[in-house]
N, C-alpha and C. Protein backbone atom coordinates (compact mmCIF):
# COMPACT_ATOMS: atom_id res chain seq x y z
N MET A 1 39.46 40.73 -89.02
CA MET A 1 40.69 39.98 -89.98
C MET A 1 42.01 41.13 -89.55
N LYS A 2 43.27 40.56 -89.22
CA LYS A 2 44.35 41.21 -88.63
C LYS A 2 44.83 41.95 -90.29
N ILE A 3 45.48 42.87 -89.90
CA ILE A 3 45.91 44.00 -91.47
C ILE A 3 47.64 42.64 -91.64
N SER A 4 48.50 42.38 -90.61
CA SER A 4 49.42 41.38 -91.01
C SER A 4 48.31 40.35 -91.95
N GLU A 5 47.62 39.44 -91.59
CA GLU A 5 46.79 38.88 -92.32
C GLU A 5 46.60 39.09 -93.99
N LEU A 6 45.91 40.37 -93.78
CA LEU A 6 45.60 40.12 -95.25
C LEU A 6 46.66 40.88 -96.43
N CYS A 7 47.97 41.24 -95.24
CA CYS A 7 49.02 41.59 -95.79
C CYS A 7 49.70 40.48 -96.87
N LYS A 8 49.29 39.58 -95.79
CA LYS A 8 50.33 37.81 -95.76
C LYS A 8 49.39 37.48 -97.53
N MET A 9 48.14 37.58 -97.25
CA MET A 9 47.36 36.66 -98.22
C MET A 9 47.66 37.49 -99.40
N VAL A 10 48.26 38.90 -99.76
CA VAL A 10 47.79 39.62 -101.03
C VAL A 10 49.28 39.19 -101.44
N GLU A 11 50.22 39.12 -100.68
CA GLU A 11 51.99 38.80 -100.57
C GLU A 11 51.70 37.19 -101.17
N ASP A 12 50.97 36.53 -100.94
CA ASP A 12 50.73 35.40 -101.34
C ASP A 12 50.29 34.78 -102.65
N SER A 13 49.03 35.75 -103.03
CA SER A 13 48.46 35.79 -104.59
C SER A 13 49.23 36.83 -105.57
N ILE A 14 49.73 37.46 -105.01
CA ILE A 14 51.10 38.04 -105.81
C ILE A 14 52.42 36.86 -106.34
N ARG A 15 52.74 36.02 -105.50
CA ARG A 15 53.75 35.74 -105.60
C ARG A 15 53.20 34.28 -106.46
N THR A 16 51.90 33.67 -105.96
CA THR A 16 51.40 32.69 -106.89
C THR A 16 50.80 32.22 -108.31
N GLY A 17 51.09 34.11 -108.26
CA GLY A 17 50.29 34.25 -109.72
C GLY A 17 49.05 34.07 -110.02
N LYS A 18 48.59 34.22 -108.37
CA LYS A 18 46.91 34.60 -109.14
C LYS A 18 46.24 35.98 -109.72
N TYR A 19 47.32 36.77 -109.61
CA TYR A 19 47.22 37.84 -110.96
C TYR A 19 48.20 37.83 -112.15
N PRO A 20 47.46 37.95 -113.00
CA PRO A 20 48.19 37.76 -114.07
C PRO A 20 49.76 38.60 -114.29
N PHE A 21 50.37 37.94 -114.76
CA PHE A 21 51.73 39.32 -114.75
C PHE A 21 51.69 40.06 -116.42
N GLU A 22 52.23 41.30 -115.86
CA GLU A 22 52.19 41.77 -117.97
C GLU A 22 53.38 41.28 -118.19
N ASP A 23 54.63 40.64 -117.67
CA ASP A 23 56.08 40.52 -118.35
C ASP A 23 56.85 39.15 -117.11
N GLN A 24 57.85 38.82 -117.58
CA GLN A 24 58.67 38.15 -117.29
C GLN A 24 58.67 38.68 -115.85
N GLN A 25 59.38 39.97 -116.01
CA GLN A 25 60.21 40.92 -115.56
C GLN A 25 59.08 41.12 -113.84
N GLN A 26 57.77 40.88 -114.34
CA GLN A 26 56.90 41.09 -113.17
C GLN A 26 56.81 39.93 -112.18
N LYS A 27 56.91 38.46 -113.57
CA LYS A 27 56.89 37.15 -112.34
C LYS A 27 58.14 37.55 -112.15
N HIS A 28 59.69 37.64 -112.29
CA HIS A 28 60.51 37.27 -111.63
C HIS A 28 60.99 37.81 -110.54
N PHE A 29 60.22 39.28 -110.25
CA PHE A 29 59.94 40.26 -108.85
C PHE A 29 59.58 39.46 -107.85
N ALA A 30 57.59 38.99 -108.47
CA ALA A 30 57.10 38.36 -107.94
C ALA A 30 57.23 37.54 -106.58
N GLU A 31 58.91 37.05 -106.91
CA GLU A 31 59.27 36.63 -105.64
C GLU A 31 60.13 36.74 -104.75
N SER A 32 60.57 37.71 -104.75
CA SER A 32 61.02 38.58 -103.58
C SER A 32 59.68 39.39 -103.18
N VAL A 33 58.46 39.80 -103.75
CA VAL A 33 57.74 41.15 -103.02
C VAL A 33 57.73 40.85 -101.83
N LYS A 34 57.22 41.62 -100.49
CA LYS A 34 56.61 41.92 -99.67
C LYS A 34 56.24 42.54 -99.28
N VAL A 35 54.93 42.71 -99.04
CA VAL A 35 53.84 43.29 -97.88
C VAL A 35 53.83 43.19 -96.28
N ILE A 36 54.09 44.21 -95.92
CA ILE A 36 54.60 44.05 -94.42
C ILE A 36 53.50 45.61 -93.96
N ASN A 37 53.23 44.94 -92.89
CA ASN A 37 52.14 46.27 -92.00
C ASN A 37 52.89 46.87 -91.23
N ARG A 38 53.02 48.36 -91.21
CA ARG A 38 53.91 49.05 -90.69
C ARG A 38 52.97 50.21 -89.81
N SER A 39 51.77 49.31 -89.56
CA SER A 39 50.71 50.27 -88.45
C SER A 39 51.26 49.63 -87.25
N ASP A 40 50.80 51.09 -85.99
CA ASP A 40 50.74 50.65 -85.09
C ASP A 40 50.05 49.40 -84.22
N SER A 41 48.95 48.85 -85.17
CA SER A 41 48.17 48.28 -84.49
C SER A 41 47.49 47.01 -85.95
N GLU A 42 47.44 46.18 -85.17
CA GLU A 42 46.38 45.29 -86.37
C GLU A 42 45.03 44.98 -86.26
N ASN A 43 44.38 46.00 -85.94
CA ASN A 43 42.81 46.40 -86.73
C ASN A 43 42.49 47.57 -87.76
N LEU A 44 41.70 46.50 -88.23
CA LEU A 44 41.64 47.29 -89.27
C LEU A 44 40.76 48.23 -89.36
N LYS A 45 40.28 49.26 -88.02
CA LYS A 45 40.11 50.11 -87.88
C LYS A 45 40.62 51.16 -87.14
N SER A 46 42.29 50.78 -86.98
CA SER A 46 42.74 52.03 -86.09
C SER A 46 42.78 52.98 -87.24
N SER A 47 43.41 53.80 -86.15
CA SER A 47 42.96 55.53 -87.00
C SER A 47 44.09 55.51 -88.18
N ASP A 48 45.55 54.95 -88.07
CA ASP A 48 46.41 54.96 -89.05
C ASP A 48 46.91 53.32 -89.27
N ILE A 49 46.45 53.35 -90.84
CA ILE A 49 46.93 51.98 -91.45
C ILE A 49 47.77 52.26 -92.31
N LYS A 50 48.84 51.90 -92.33
CA LYS A 50 50.12 52.18 -92.85
C LYS A 50 50.68 50.58 -93.30
N ILE A 51 50.92 50.25 -94.97
CA ILE A 51 50.88 49.09 -95.63
C ILE A 51 52.16 49.24 -96.37
N GLU A 52 53.34 48.64 -96.47
CA GLU A 52 54.89 48.93 -97.09
C GLU A 52 55.07 47.68 -97.94
N VAL A 53 55.18 48.17 -99.47
CA VAL A 53 55.23 47.16 -100.47
C VAL A 53 56.72 46.82 -100.69
N ARG A 54 57.37 46.47 -100.48
CA ARG A 54 58.90 46.08 -100.79
C ARG A 54 59.22 45.10 -101.88
N ILE A 55 60.22 45.64 -102.61
CA ILE A 55 61.08 44.70 -103.97
C ILE A 55 62.75 45.08 -103.85
N GLN A 56 63.38 44.26 -102.45
CA GLN A 56 64.35 44.72 -102.63
C GLN A 56 64.60 45.63 -101.71
N ASP A 57 65.71 47.10 -101.86
CA ASP A 57 65.88 48.36 -101.27
C ASP A 57 64.65 49.37 -102.24
N LEU A 58 63.50 49.05 -102.64
CA LEU A 58 62.66 50.22 -103.39
C LEU A 58 61.36 49.54 -102.94
N TYR A 59 60.71 50.81 -102.07
CA TYR A 59 59.46 50.20 -101.64
C TYR A 59 58.66 51.24 -101.33
N THR A 60 56.91 51.06 -101.81
CA THR A 60 56.19 52.01 -101.30
C THR A 60 55.67 51.70 -99.97
N LEU A 61 54.80 53.52 -99.76
CA LEU A 61 54.30 53.43 -98.32
C LEU A 61 52.70 53.93 -98.00
N ASN A 62 52.18 53.48 -98.42
CA ASN A 62 50.30 53.40 -98.29
C ASN A 62 49.69 53.67 -97.22
N ASN A 63 49.01 55.02 -96.57
CA ASN A 63 48.60 54.86 -95.24
C ASN A 63 46.74 54.96 -96.22
N TYR A 64 46.20 54.56 -94.90
CA TYR A 64 44.94 54.04 -95.09
C TYR A 64 44.12 55.09 -93.74
N VAL A 65 42.43 55.67 -93.81
CA VAL A 65 41.70 55.54 -92.53
C VAL A 65 40.58 55.13 -92.89
N PRO A 66 40.37 53.78 -91.77
CA PRO A 66 39.22 52.86 -91.06
C PRO A 66 38.04 53.38 -92.13
N SER A 67 37.99 54.71 -92.26
CA SER A 67 36.39 55.05 -92.84
C SER A 67 36.08 54.96 -93.96
N MET A 68 37.18 54.25 -94.64
CA MET A 68 37.13 54.01 -96.17
C MET A 68 36.30 52.88 -96.79
N GLN A 69 35.41 53.31 -97.44
CA GLN A 69 34.53 51.90 -98.16
C GLN A 69 35.14 50.93 -98.73
N HIS A 70 35.35 49.47 -98.41
CA HIS A 70 35.75 47.81 -98.90
C HIS A 70 37.11 48.15 -98.76
N LEU A 71 37.51 48.57 -97.49
CA LEU A 71 39.19 49.24 -97.13
C LEU A 71 40.07 47.72 -97.27
N PRO A 72 39.57 46.65 -97.35
CA PRO A 72 40.34 45.12 -97.65
C PRO A 72 40.74 45.21 -98.88
N GLY A 73 39.35 45.30 -99.76
CA GLY A 73 39.84 44.87 -101.69
C GLY A 73 40.60 46.36 -102.07
N VAL A 74 40.24 47.84 -101.29
CA VAL A 74 41.15 48.84 -101.76
C VAL A 74 42.73 48.80 -101.17
N ILE A 75 43.07 48.72 -99.98
CA ILE A 75 44.26 48.20 -99.90
C ILE A 75 44.96 46.70 -100.77
N GLU A 76 44.06 45.65 -101.32
CA GLU A 76 44.32 44.96 -102.14
C GLU A 76 44.85 45.50 -103.74
N ILE A 77 44.61 46.25 -104.11
CA ILE A 77 44.36 46.77 -105.54
C ILE A 77 45.15 48.35 -105.26
N ASP A 78 45.59 48.65 -104.13
CA ASP A 78 47.20 49.44 -103.94
C ASP A 78 48.59 48.67 -103.62
N VAL A 79 47.91 47.57 -103.52
CA VAL A 79 49.11 47.02 -103.33
C VAL A 79 49.15 46.36 -104.40
N LEU A 80 48.72 45.89 -105.42
CA LEU A 80 48.82 45.40 -106.92
C LEU A 80 49.71 46.44 -107.37
N ASP A 81 48.89 47.73 -107.31
CA ASP A 81 49.31 48.71 -108.45
C ASP A 81 50.84 49.19 -107.36
N SER A 82 51.08 49.37 -106.18
CA SER A 82 52.34 49.69 -106.36
C SER A 82 53.69 48.31 -106.54
N PHE A 83 52.83 47.33 -106.29
CA PHE A 83 54.00 46.02 -107.11
C PHE A 83 54.30 46.06 -108.57
N LYS A 84 53.05 46.76 -109.17
CA LYS A 84 53.87 46.74 -110.94
C LYS A 84 54.35 47.90 -110.79
N MET A 85 54.38 49.00 -110.26
CA MET A 85 54.99 50.23 -110.16
C MET A 85 56.34 50.02 -109.60
N LEU A 86 56.63 49.26 -108.26
CA LEU A 86 58.49 49.28 -108.40
C LEU A 86 58.63 48.25 -109.09
N CYS A 87 58.05 47.11 -109.77
CA CYS A 87 58.56 46.25 -111.30
C CYS A 87 58.91 47.39 -112.04
N ARG A 88 58.28 48.43 -112.16
CA ARG A 88 58.88 49.28 -113.44
C ARG A 88 60.27 49.86 -113.23
N ARG A 89 60.28 50.64 -112.02
CA ARG A 89 61.48 51.73 -111.42
C ARG A 89 62.26 50.42 -111.57
N LEU A 90 62.21 49.06 -110.96
CA LEU A 90 63.69 47.99 -111.02
C LEU A 90 64.05 47.84 -112.32
N GLN A 91 62.75 48.07 -113.32
CA GLN A 91 63.69 47.59 -114.79
C GLN A 91 64.02 48.33 -115.10
N ARG A 92 63.78 49.94 -114.94
CA ARG A 92 64.59 51.03 -115.37
C ARG A 92 66.26 51.07 -114.56
N ILE A 93 66.13 50.52 -113.52
CA ILE A 93 67.30 49.96 -112.87
C ILE A 93 68.26 49.40 -113.39
N VAL A 94 67.91 48.10 -113.94
CA VAL A 94 68.09 46.98 -114.04
C VAL A 94 69.08 47.53 -115.28
N GLU A 95 67.89 48.20 -116.49
CA GLU A 95 68.47 48.82 -117.69
C GLU A 95 69.28 49.66 -117.76
N ASP A 96 69.60 50.46 -116.72
CA ASP A 96 70.67 51.23 -116.19
C ASP A 96 72.02 50.57 -116.04
N THR A 97 72.15 49.16 -115.70
CA THR A 97 73.08 48.46 -115.17
C THR A 97 73.79 47.45 -116.22
N SER A 98 73.19 47.96 -117.13
CA SER A 98 73.59 47.50 -118.45
C SER A 98 72.92 46.06 -118.69
N GLY A 99 71.73 46.06 -119.69
CA GLY A 99 71.10 44.83 -120.11
C GLY A 99 70.12 44.48 -119.22
N SER A 100 70.13 43.22 -119.62
CA SER A 100 69.08 42.27 -118.33
C SER A 100 69.62 41.72 -116.97
N ASN A 101 70.68 42.46 -116.31
CA ASN A 101 70.72 41.66 -115.27
C ASN A 101 69.93 42.48 -114.19
N TYR A 102 69.49 41.31 -112.92
CA TYR A 102 68.63 41.33 -112.23
C TYR A 102 69.21 41.65 -111.23
N SER A 103 70.49 41.89 -110.59
CA SER A 103 71.02 42.38 -109.71
C SER A 103 72.05 42.97 -109.70
N THR A 104 73.24 43.57 -108.37
CA THR A 104 74.02 44.39 -108.75
C THR A 104 75.60 42.73 -108.71
N ASP A 105 75.24 41.62 -108.36
CA ASP A 105 75.67 40.81 -107.57
C ASP A 105 76.35 40.49 -109.26
N ILE A 106 75.25 40.41 -110.08
CA ILE A 106 75.63 40.09 -111.46
C ILE A 106 76.37 41.07 -112.67
N ALA A 107 75.76 42.38 -112.45
CA ALA A 107 76.84 43.45 -112.29
C ALA A 107 78.04 43.24 -112.80
N THR A 108 78.63 43.15 -110.79
CA THR A 108 79.57 43.17 -111.00
C THR A 108 80.13 41.83 -110.92
N GLU A 109 80.10 40.32 -111.34
CA GLU A 109 80.63 39.71 -112.06
C GLU A 109 80.75 40.20 -113.84
N LYS A 110 80.06 40.37 -113.81
CA LYS A 110 80.75 41.23 -115.72
C LYS A 110 81.41 41.83 -115.56
N LEU A 111 81.64 42.73 -114.31
CA LEU A 111 83.06 43.64 -114.50
C LEU A 111 84.40 43.09 -114.10
N HIS A 112 84.02 41.86 -112.97
CA HIS A 112 85.26 41.39 -113.05
C HIS A 112 85.54 40.16 -113.84
N SER A 113 84.55 39.59 -114.85
CA SER A 113 85.09 38.91 -116.08
C SER A 113 86.03 39.91 -117.37
N ARG A 114 85.28 41.00 -117.07
CA ARG A 114 85.43 42.03 -117.95
C ARG A 114 87.04 42.55 -117.58
N THR A 115 87.31 42.66 -116.53
CA THR A 115 88.71 43.44 -115.91
C THR A 115 89.56 41.89 -116.32
N ASN A 116 89.33 40.77 -115.97
CA ASN A 116 90.08 39.31 -116.30
C ASN A 116 90.29 39.75 -117.79
N GLN A 117 90.02 39.69 -118.52
CA GLN A 117 89.99 39.30 -120.15
C GLN A 117 90.68 40.61 -120.39
N THR A 118 90.66 41.60 -120.05
CA THR A 118 91.62 42.51 -120.59
C THR A 118 93.07 42.48 -119.64
N SER A 119 93.14 42.03 -119.02
CA SER A 119 94.81 41.39 -117.62
C SER A 119 95.32 40.28 -118.96
């Protein structure tokens, strides 16, 4: 199996809800998760495997060596853990930008509406 095929398989599994979501936040961010092969090779036996998990502008980059036992399973679990961690970080950012907004665009729209109300 190629590394990019494994990445796509895990990404699709997260997006389709194969893994149970802990909350609505994870379900929301599952739509925009990206799992990307950043290695120089597609071979699971290459000397340095790098997998990026990205949601919007936040990402993690994990690296692996081919001698790890059950490497595809380890990568799958790490991607899922990275996804959950990024969701928690994004939730903190969202909370800091006033309430339950999911993006800067929504926060910007609210700012403009408040400005118009005070004029």
